[in-house]
Amino acid sequence: MINTDWLRDALLPEHGPPDDTYWKAVPIWCGESPEELAERLAAGTAYEDKGLVFADALGRPLHPHTLWDAWRCIVKAANLPRLRFHDLRHAHASLLMAQGVHPNIVSERLGHSSVSITLDIYSHVAPNLQADAAAGLDALLKRGKA
């Protein structure tokens, strides 16, 4: 059973997806599941490790419809509104920003050319940035007076 509550609660795109001009690989997992390892070993020398996140049993890219069909099933099973696979990108960025991950890191993960693009799109997710900055400075100044 997949827990999809986080996806339901994640902010859906208000401004639409950013206009991506290129694809960028972002590390999300450093290992293999036992099932993936078993598939790779069973394939033997026929397996082609291309470093893909979504690959078939021989390491080759999946047909886009395979991923799309699986995504539609997950969305339907979770009783979510129609979501594009690309909306995961927005949810990913929104969740990172809401947890206080530095905007530069979020920007790098998204492949934005500038952190200002990330902040223009996602700053509404972290409304406490100004309050947190003021509280941190206040604490620092109070320590200096002691």
N, C-alpha and C. Protein backbone atom coordinates (compact mmCIF):
# COMPACT_ATOMS: atom_id res chain seq x y z
N MET A 1 0.85 -1.19 0.00
CA MET A 1 0.00 0.00 0.00
C MET A 1 0.89 1.25 0.00
N ILE A 2 0.65 2.14 -0.90
CA ILE A 2 1.43 3.37 -1.01
C ILE A 2 0.70 4.47 -0.25
N ASN A 3 1.42 5.15 0.65
CA ASN A 3 0.85 6.27 1.38
C ASN A 3 0.96 7.51 0.50
N THR A 4 -0.16 8.02 0.05
CA THR A 4 -0.14 9.17 -0.86
C THR A 4 -0.73 10.42 -0.21
N ASP A 5 -0.89 10.40 1.12
CA ASP A 5 -1.44 11.58 1.79
C ASP A 5 -0.59 12.81 1.54
N TRP A 6 0.74 12.63 1.52
CA TRP A 6 1.63 13.77 1.31
C TRP A 6 1.37 14.41 -0.04
N LEU A 7 1.03 13.58 -1.04
CA LEU A 7 0.80 14.11 -2.37
C LEU A 7 -0.50 14.91 -2.41
N ARG A 8 -1.51 14.41 -1.71
CA ARG A 8 -2.78 15.11 -1.66
C ARG A 8 -2.60 16.47 -0.99
N ASP A 9 -1.75 16.52 0.05
CA ASP A 9 -1.55 17.76 0.79
C ASP A 9 -0.57 18.71 0.12
N ALA A 10 0.25 18.18 -0.77
CA ALA A 10 1.22 19.04 -1.45
C ALA A 10 0.48 20.05 -2.32
N LEU A 11 1.05 21.18 -2.46
CA LEU A 11 0.42 22.23 -3.26
C LEU A 11 0.44 21.87 -4.72
N LEU A 12 -0.68 21.96 -5.36
CA LEU A 12 -0.74 21.74 -6.80
C LEU A 12 -0.29 23.03 -7.49
N PRO A 13 0.22 22.93 -8.68
CA PRO A 13 0.76 24.13 -9.34
C PRO A 13 -0.27 25.24 -9.45
N GLU A 14 0.10 26.40 -8.93
CA GLU A 14 -0.76 27.57 -9.07
C GLU A 14 -0.41 28.33 -10.34
N HIS A 15 0.85 28.28 -10.70
CA HIS A 15 1.33 29.04 -11.85
C HIS A 15 1.62 28.14 -13.05
N GLY A 16 1.31 26.87 -12.94
CA GLY A 16 1.68 25.93 -13.99
C GLY A 16 3.13 25.54 -13.83
N PRO A 17 3.57 24.54 -14.55
CA PRO A 17 4.95 24.08 -14.40
C PRO A 17 5.94 25.08 -14.98
N PRO A 18 7.16 25.11 -14.41
CA PRO A 18 8.16 25.99 -15.01
C PRO A 18 8.49 25.51 -16.41
N ASP A 19 8.96 26.41 -17.22
CA ASP A 19 9.29 26.07 -18.60
C ASP A 19 10.68 25.44 -18.62
N ASP A 20 10.75 24.12 -18.58
CA ASP A 20 12.03 23.43 -18.56
C ASP A 20 12.64 23.43 -19.95
N THR A 21 13.89 23.79 -20.01
CA THR A 21 14.57 23.80 -21.31
C THR A 21 15.52 22.62 -21.45
N TYR A 22 15.72 21.87 -20.38
CA TYR A 22 16.58 20.70 -20.46
C TYR A 22 16.25 19.73 -19.34
N TRP A 23 16.71 18.51 -19.50
CA TRP A 23 16.53 17.48 -18.47
C TRP A 23 17.77 17.46 -17.61
N LYS A 24 17.61 17.22 -16.34
CA LYS A 24 18.74 17.15 -15.44
C LYS A 24 18.56 15.96 -14.51
N ALA A 25 19.59 15.17 -14.36
CA ALA A 25 19.54 14.05 -13.44
C ALA A 25 19.74 14.57 -12.03
N VAL A 26 18.88 14.16 -11.10
CA VAL A 26 18.97 14.55 -9.71
C VAL A 26 19.03 13.28 -8.87
N PRO A 27 20.05 13.14 -8.02
CA PRO A 27 20.12 11.92 -7.22
C PRO A 27 18.96 11.85 -6.25
N ILE A 28 18.25 10.73 -6.27
CA ILE A 28 17.14 10.56 -5.33
C ILE A 28 17.29 9.30 -4.51
N TRP A 29 18.11 8.36 -4.96
CA TRP A 29 18.28 7.10 -4.26
C TRP A 29 19.64 6.55 -4.65
N CYS A 30 20.40 6.13 -3.68
CA CYS A 30 21.76 5.69 -3.96
C CYS A 30 21.88 4.18 -4.08
N GLY A 31 20.83 3.45 -3.82
CA GLY A 31 20.92 2.00 -3.84
C GLY A 31 19.81 1.37 -4.64
N GLU A 32 19.80 0.07 -4.63
CA GLU A 32 18.78 -0.69 -5.33
C GLU A 32 17.91 -1.40 -4.32
N SER A 33 16.66 -1.62 -4.67
CA SER A 33 15.82 -2.46 -3.84
C SER A 33 16.25 -3.90 -4.08
N PRO A 34 15.94 -4.81 -3.17
CA PRO A 34 16.28 -6.22 -3.40
C PRO A 34 15.70 -6.76 -4.71
N GLU A 35 14.50 -6.29 -5.05
CA GLU A 35 13.87 -6.75 -6.29
C GLU A 35 14.64 -6.27 -7.52
N GLU A 36 15.09 -5.00 -7.47
CA GLU A 36 15.86 -4.45 -8.60
C GLU A 36 17.20 -5.18 -8.73
N LEU A 37 17.83 -5.46 -7.62
CA LEU A 37 19.10 -6.18 -7.66
C LEU A 37 18.90 -7.57 -8.25
N ALA A 38 17.84 -8.26 -7.83
CA ALA A 38 17.56 -9.59 -8.36
C ALA A 38 17.32 -9.54 -9.86
N GLU A 39 16.57 -8.55 -10.34
CA GLU A 39 16.32 -8.41 -11.78
C GLU A 39 17.61 -8.16 -12.54
N ARG A 40 18.46 -7.29 -11.98
CA ARG A 40 19.71 -6.96 -12.66
C ARG A 40 20.62 -8.18 -12.73
N LEU A 41 20.69 -8.91 -11.64
CA LEU A 41 21.55 -10.10 -11.64
C LEU A 41 21.01 -11.18 -12.56
N ALA A 42 19.68 -11.32 -12.62
CA ALA A 42 19.07 -12.31 -13.50
C ALA A 42 19.33 -11.98 -14.97
N ALA A 43 19.43 -10.70 -15.28
CA ALA A 43 19.67 -10.28 -16.66
C ALA A 43 21.11 -10.56 -17.08
N GLY A 44 22.01 -10.69 -16.11
CA GLY A 44 23.41 -10.99 -16.43
C GLY A 44 24.05 -9.91 -17.27
N THR A 45 24.78 -10.34 -18.28
CA THR A 45 25.51 -9.37 -19.12
C THR A 45 24.59 -8.61 -20.06
N ALA A 46 23.32 -9.04 -20.16
CA ALA A 46 22.37 -8.33 -21.02
C ALA A 46 21.93 -7.01 -20.38
N TYR A 47 22.16 -6.87 -19.07
CA TYR A 47 21.74 -5.65 -18.38
C TYR A 47 22.64 -4.48 -18.78
N GLU A 48 22.03 -3.36 -19.13
CA GLU A 48 22.75 -2.15 -19.52
C GLU A 48 22.50 -1.08 -18.46
N ASP A 49 23.48 -0.81 -17.62
CA ASP A 49 23.30 0.19 -16.57
C ASP A 49 23.51 1.57 -17.18
N LYS A 50 22.40 2.30 -17.36
CA LYS A 50 22.46 3.64 -17.94
C LYS A 50 22.16 4.71 -16.88
N GLY A 51 22.07 4.27 -15.63
CA GLY A 51 21.83 5.22 -14.54
C GLY A 51 20.43 5.82 -14.56
N LEU A 52 19.46 5.10 -15.12
CA LEU A 52 18.11 5.62 -15.22
C LEU A 52 17.33 5.38 -13.93
N VAL A 53 16.43 6.30 -13.62
CA VAL A 53 15.54 6.11 -12.48
C VAL A 53 14.46 5.10 -12.84
N PHE A 54 13.93 5.19 -14.06
CA PHE A 54 12.89 4.27 -14.52
C PHE A 54 13.45 3.48 -15.70
N ALA A 55 13.66 2.19 -15.46
CA ALA A 55 14.23 1.34 -16.51
C ALA A 55 13.51 0.00 -16.51
N ASP A 56 13.63 -0.71 -17.64
CA ASP A 56 13.05 -2.05 -17.70
C ASP A 56 14.02 -3.05 -17.07
N ALA A 57 13.70 -4.33 -17.12
CA ALA A 57 14.51 -5.36 -16.47
C ALA A 57 15.92 -5.47 -17.06
N LEU A 58 16.14 -4.91 -18.24
CA LEU A 58 17.46 -4.94 -18.85
C LEU A 58 18.18 -3.60 -18.75
N GLY A 59 17.61 -2.65 -17.99
CA GLY A 59 18.24 -1.35 -17.79
C GLY A 59 17.96 -0.34 -18.88
N ARG A 60 17.10 -0.69 -19.81
CA ARG A 60 16.78 0.22 -20.92
C ARG A 60 15.67 1.18 -20.49
N PRO A 61 15.58 2.33 -21.16
CA PRO A 61 14.51 3.29 -20.83
C PRO A 61 13.13 2.67 -21.04
N LEU A 62 12.21 3.03 -20.16
CA LEU A 62 10.83 2.61 -20.32
C LEU A 62 10.16 3.46 -21.38
N HIS A 63 9.19 2.88 -22.05
CA HIS A 63 8.37 3.68 -22.97
C HIS A 63 7.57 4.67 -22.12
N PRO A 64 7.44 5.90 -22.52
CA PRO A 64 6.73 6.90 -21.71
C PRO A 64 5.32 6.47 -21.30
N HIS A 65 4.64 5.73 -22.16
CA HIS A 65 3.29 5.30 -21.81
C HIS A 65 3.28 4.31 -20.64
N THR A 66 4.35 3.55 -20.48
CA THR A 66 4.43 2.61 -19.36
C THR A 66 4.41 3.38 -18.05
N LEU A 67 5.22 4.41 -17.97
CA LEU A 67 5.28 5.24 -16.77
C LEU A 67 3.96 6.00 -16.58
N TRP A 68 3.44 6.53 -17.64
CA TRP A 68 2.19 7.29 -17.57
C TRP A 68 1.04 6.41 -17.09
N ASP A 69 0.94 5.18 -17.61
CA ASP A 69 -0.13 4.27 -17.19
C ASP A 69 0.00 3.92 -15.71
N ALA A 70 1.23 3.67 -15.25
CA ALA A 70 1.44 3.35 -13.84
C ALA A 70 1.08 4.55 -12.97
N TRP A 71 1.45 5.75 -13.41
CA TRP A 71 1.14 6.97 -12.66
C TRP A 71 -0.37 7.17 -12.55
N ARG A 72 -1.08 6.98 -13.66
CA ARG A 72 -2.54 7.13 -13.62
C ARG A 72 -3.17 6.16 -12.63
N CYS A 73 -2.67 4.94 -12.56
CA CYS A 73 -3.20 3.95 -11.61
C CYS A 73 -2.96 4.40 -10.17
N ILE A 74 -1.77 4.94 -9.89
CA ILE A 74 -1.46 5.41 -8.54
C ILE A 74 -2.38 6.56 -8.15
N VAL A 75 -2.56 7.51 -9.06
CA VAL A 75 -3.42 8.66 -8.79
C VAL A 75 -4.86 8.21 -8.55
N LYS A 76 -5.33 7.30 -9.38
CA LYS A 76 -6.70 6.81 -9.23
C LYS A 76 -6.87 6.05 -7.92
N ALA A 77 -5.91 5.18 -7.58
CA ALA A 77 -5.99 4.39 -6.35
C ALA A 77 -5.96 5.27 -5.11
N ALA A 78 -5.27 6.40 -5.20
CA ALA A 78 -5.18 7.33 -4.08
C ALA A 78 -6.36 8.29 -4.03
N ASN A 79 -7.26 8.17 -4.99
CA ASN A 79 -8.43 9.04 -5.07
C ASN A 79 -8.03 10.52 -5.12
N LEU A 80 -7.02 10.79 -5.93
CA LEU A 80 -6.54 12.16 -6.13
C LEU A 80 -7.15 12.75 -7.39
N PRO A 81 -7.18 14.07 -7.48
CA PRO A 81 -7.63 14.67 -8.74
C PRO A 81 -6.61 14.34 -9.84
N ARG A 82 -6.99 14.54 -11.05
CA ARG A 82 -6.08 14.26 -12.16
C ARG A 82 -4.80 15.08 -11.99
N LEU A 83 -3.69 14.39 -11.91
CA LEU A 83 -2.39 15.03 -11.75
C LEU A 83 -1.45 14.55 -12.85
N ARG A 84 -0.72 15.49 -13.40
CA ARG A 84 0.30 15.10 -14.37
C ARG A 84 1.52 14.58 -13.61
N PHE A 85 2.28 13.72 -14.25
CA PHE A 85 3.50 13.22 -13.63
C PHE A 85 4.42 14.39 -13.29
N HIS A 86 4.41 15.41 -14.13
CA HIS A 86 5.25 16.59 -13.92
C HIS A 86 4.88 17.32 -12.62
N ASP A 87 3.64 17.14 -12.16
CA ASP A 87 3.23 17.80 -10.92
C ASP A 87 4.04 17.30 -9.73
N LEU A 88 4.66 16.12 -9.85
CA LEU A 88 5.54 15.64 -8.79
C LEU A 88 6.71 16.59 -8.59
N ARG A 89 7.16 17.19 -9.66
CA ARG A 89 8.27 18.16 -9.58
C ARG A 89 7.88 19.32 -8.68
N HIS A 90 6.67 19.84 -8.89
CA HIS A 90 6.19 20.96 -8.07
C HIS A 90 6.00 20.52 -6.62
N ALA A 91 5.42 19.34 -6.43
CA ALA A 91 5.22 18.84 -5.06
C ALA A 91 6.58 18.65 -4.37
N HIS A 92 7.55 18.12 -5.09
CA HIS A 92 8.89 17.93 -4.55
C HIS A 92 9.48 19.26 -4.07
N ALA A 93 9.43 20.26 -4.92
CA ALA A 93 9.98 21.57 -4.56
C ALA A 93 9.20 22.20 -3.42
N SER A 94 7.88 22.11 -3.46
CA SER A 94 7.05 22.70 -2.42
C SER A 94 7.31 22.07 -1.07
N LEU A 95 7.43 20.75 -1.04
CA LEU A 95 7.69 20.05 0.22
C LEU A 95 9.07 20.40 0.78
N LEU A 96 10.07 20.49 -0.10
CA LEU A 96 11.40 20.87 0.37
C LEU A 96 11.40 22.28 0.94
N MET A 97 10.78 23.21 0.24
CA MET A 97 10.72 24.60 0.72
C MET A 97 9.96 24.68 2.05
N ALA A 98 8.85 23.94 2.16
CA ALA A 98 8.05 23.97 3.38
C ALA A 98 8.83 23.42 4.57
N GLN A 99 9.79 22.53 4.31
CA GLN A 99 10.61 21.97 5.38
C GLN A 99 11.82 22.83 5.70
N GLY A 100 11.97 23.93 4.99
CA GLY A 100 13.07 24.85 5.28
C GLY A 100 14.38 24.51 4.59
N VAL A 101 14.34 23.66 3.56
CA VAL A 101 15.55 23.38 2.80
C VAL A 101 15.98 24.68 2.10
N HIS A 102 17.26 24.94 2.11
CA HIS A 102 17.76 26.20 1.55
C HIS A 102 17.33 26.32 0.08
N PRO A 103 16.84 27.49 -0.32
CA PRO A 103 16.38 27.68 -1.70
C PRO A 103 17.44 27.36 -2.76
N ASN A 104 18.73 27.56 -2.44
CA ASN A 104 19.77 27.21 -3.41
C ASN A 104 19.76 25.72 -3.72
N ILE A 105 19.54 24.91 -2.70
CA ILE A 105 19.50 23.45 -2.88
C ILE A 105 18.29 23.08 -3.73
N VAL A 106 17.14 23.66 -3.41
CA VAL A 106 15.93 23.38 -4.18
C VAL A 106 16.14 23.80 -5.63
N SER A 107 16.73 24.96 -5.83
CA SER A 107 16.99 25.47 -7.17
C SER A 107 17.89 24.52 -7.97
N GLU A 108 18.94 24.04 -7.32
CA GLU A 108 19.85 23.10 -7.99
C GLU A 108 19.14 21.81 -8.36
N ARG A 109 18.31 21.29 -7.44
CA ARG A 109 17.60 20.04 -7.71
C ARG A 109 16.63 20.19 -8.89
N LEU A 110 16.07 21.39 -9.04
CA LEU A 110 15.13 21.63 -10.13
C LEU A 110 15.83 22.00 -11.43
N GLY A 111 17.09 22.35 -11.34
CA GLY A 111 17.82 22.74 -12.54
C GLY A 111 17.53 24.15 -12.99
N HIS A 112 17.05 24.99 -12.07
CA HIS A 112 16.80 26.39 -12.43
C HIS A 112 18.13 27.09 -12.64
N SER A 113 18.16 28.01 -13.56
CA SER A 113 19.39 28.74 -13.87
C SER A 113 19.73 29.75 -12.78
N SER A 114 18.76 30.09 -11.94
CA SER A 114 18.96 31.08 -10.90
C SER A 114 18.04 30.77 -9.72
N VAL A 115 18.54 31.03 -8.52
CA VAL A 115 17.71 30.81 -7.33
C VAL A 115 16.51 31.77 -7.33
N SER A 116 16.63 32.89 -8.02
CA SER A 116 15.51 33.84 -8.06
C SER A 116 14.30 33.23 -8.75
N ILE A 117 14.52 32.36 -9.72
CA ILE A 117 13.40 31.67 -10.38
C ILE A 117 12.68 30.80 -9.36
N THR A 118 13.46 30.05 -8.58
CA THR A 118 12.88 29.17 -7.57
C THR A 118 12.10 29.98 -6.55
N LEU A 119 12.67 31.07 -6.09
CA LEU A 119 11.99 31.89 -5.08
C LEU A 119 10.75 32.56 -5.65
N ASP A 120 10.79 32.99 -6.90
CA ASP A 120 9.61 33.58 -7.52
C ASP A 120 8.45 32.59 -7.56
N ILE A 121 8.76 31.32 -7.80
CA ILE A 121 7.71 30.32 -7.96
C ILE A 121 7.27 29.74 -6.62
N TYR A 122 8.22 29.50 -5.70
CA TYR A 122 7.92 28.71 -4.51
C TYR A 122 8.00 29.45 -3.19
N SER A 123 8.30 30.74 -3.16
CA SER A 123 8.46 31.43 -1.88
C SER A 123 7.17 31.46 -1.07
N HIS A 124 6.02 31.35 -1.73
CA HIS A 124 4.76 31.34 -0.99
C HIS A 124 4.62 30.11 -0.10
N VAL A 125 5.42 29.08 -0.37
CA VAL A 125 5.36 27.84 0.40
C VAL A 125 6.06 28.01 1.74
N ALA A 126 7.02 28.92 1.82
CA ALA A 126 7.79 29.13 3.05
C ALA A 126 7.58 30.55 3.56
N PRO A 127 6.37 30.87 4.03
CA PRO A 127 6.09 32.24 4.44
C PRO A 127 6.85 32.65 5.70
N ASN A 128 7.41 31.70 6.43
CA ASN A 128 8.10 32.04 7.68
C ASN A 128 9.55 32.44 7.47
N LEU A 129 10.01 32.52 6.23
CA LEU A 129 11.42 32.84 5.99
C LEU A 129 11.82 34.16 6.65
N GLN A 130 11.01 35.19 6.48
CA GLN A 130 11.33 36.50 7.07
C GLN A 130 11.29 36.44 8.59
N ALA A 131 10.26 35.81 9.15
CA ALA A 131 10.14 35.71 10.60
C ALA A 131 11.29 34.89 11.19
N ASP A 132 11.66 33.82 10.53
CA ASP A 132 12.77 32.98 11.00
C ASP A 132 14.09 33.76 10.95
N ALA A 133 14.28 34.53 9.89
CA ALA A 133 15.50 35.33 9.77
C ALA A 133 15.57 36.37 10.88
N ALA A 134 14.46 37.03 11.15
CA ALA A 134 14.42 38.05 12.20
C ALA A 134 14.67 37.42 13.57
N ALA A 135 14.07 36.27 13.83
CA ALA A 135 14.25 35.59 15.11
C ALA A 135 15.70 35.15 15.29
N GLY A 136 16.31 34.66 14.21
CA GLY A 136 17.71 34.24 14.29
C GLY A 136 18.63 35.40 14.58
N LEU A 137 18.40 36.52 13.91
CA LEU A 137 19.22 37.71 14.14
C LEU A 137 19.02 38.22 15.56
N ASP A 138 17.78 38.23 16.04
CA ASP A 138 17.48 38.67 17.40
C ASP A 138 18.22 37.80 18.42
N ALA A 139 18.19 36.49 18.23
CA ALA A 139 18.88 35.58 19.15
C ALA A 139 20.38 35.83 19.13
N LEU A 140 20.94 36.07 17.95
CA LEU A 140 22.37 36.33 17.82
C LEU A 140 22.75 37.62 18.54
N LEU A 141 21.95 38.67 18.36
CA LEU A 141 22.24 39.95 19.00
C LEU A 141 22.10 39.87 20.51
N LYS A 142 21.14 39.11 21.00
CA LYS A 142 20.96 38.96 22.45
C LYS A 142 22.13 38.20 23.07
N ARG A 143 22.68 37.22 22.32
CA ARG A 143 23.84 36.50 22.81
C ARG A 143 25.05 37.42 22.92
N GLY A 144 25.16 38.33 21.98
CA GLY A 144 26.30 39.26 21.97
C GLY A 144 26.27 40.24 23.14
N LYS A 145 25.09 40.52 23.69
CA LYS A 145 24.96 41.47 24.79
C LYS A 145 25.30 40.83 26.14
N ALA A 146 25.25 39.52 26.21
CA ALA A 146 25.43 38.83 27.50
C ALA A 146 26.85 38.93 28.02
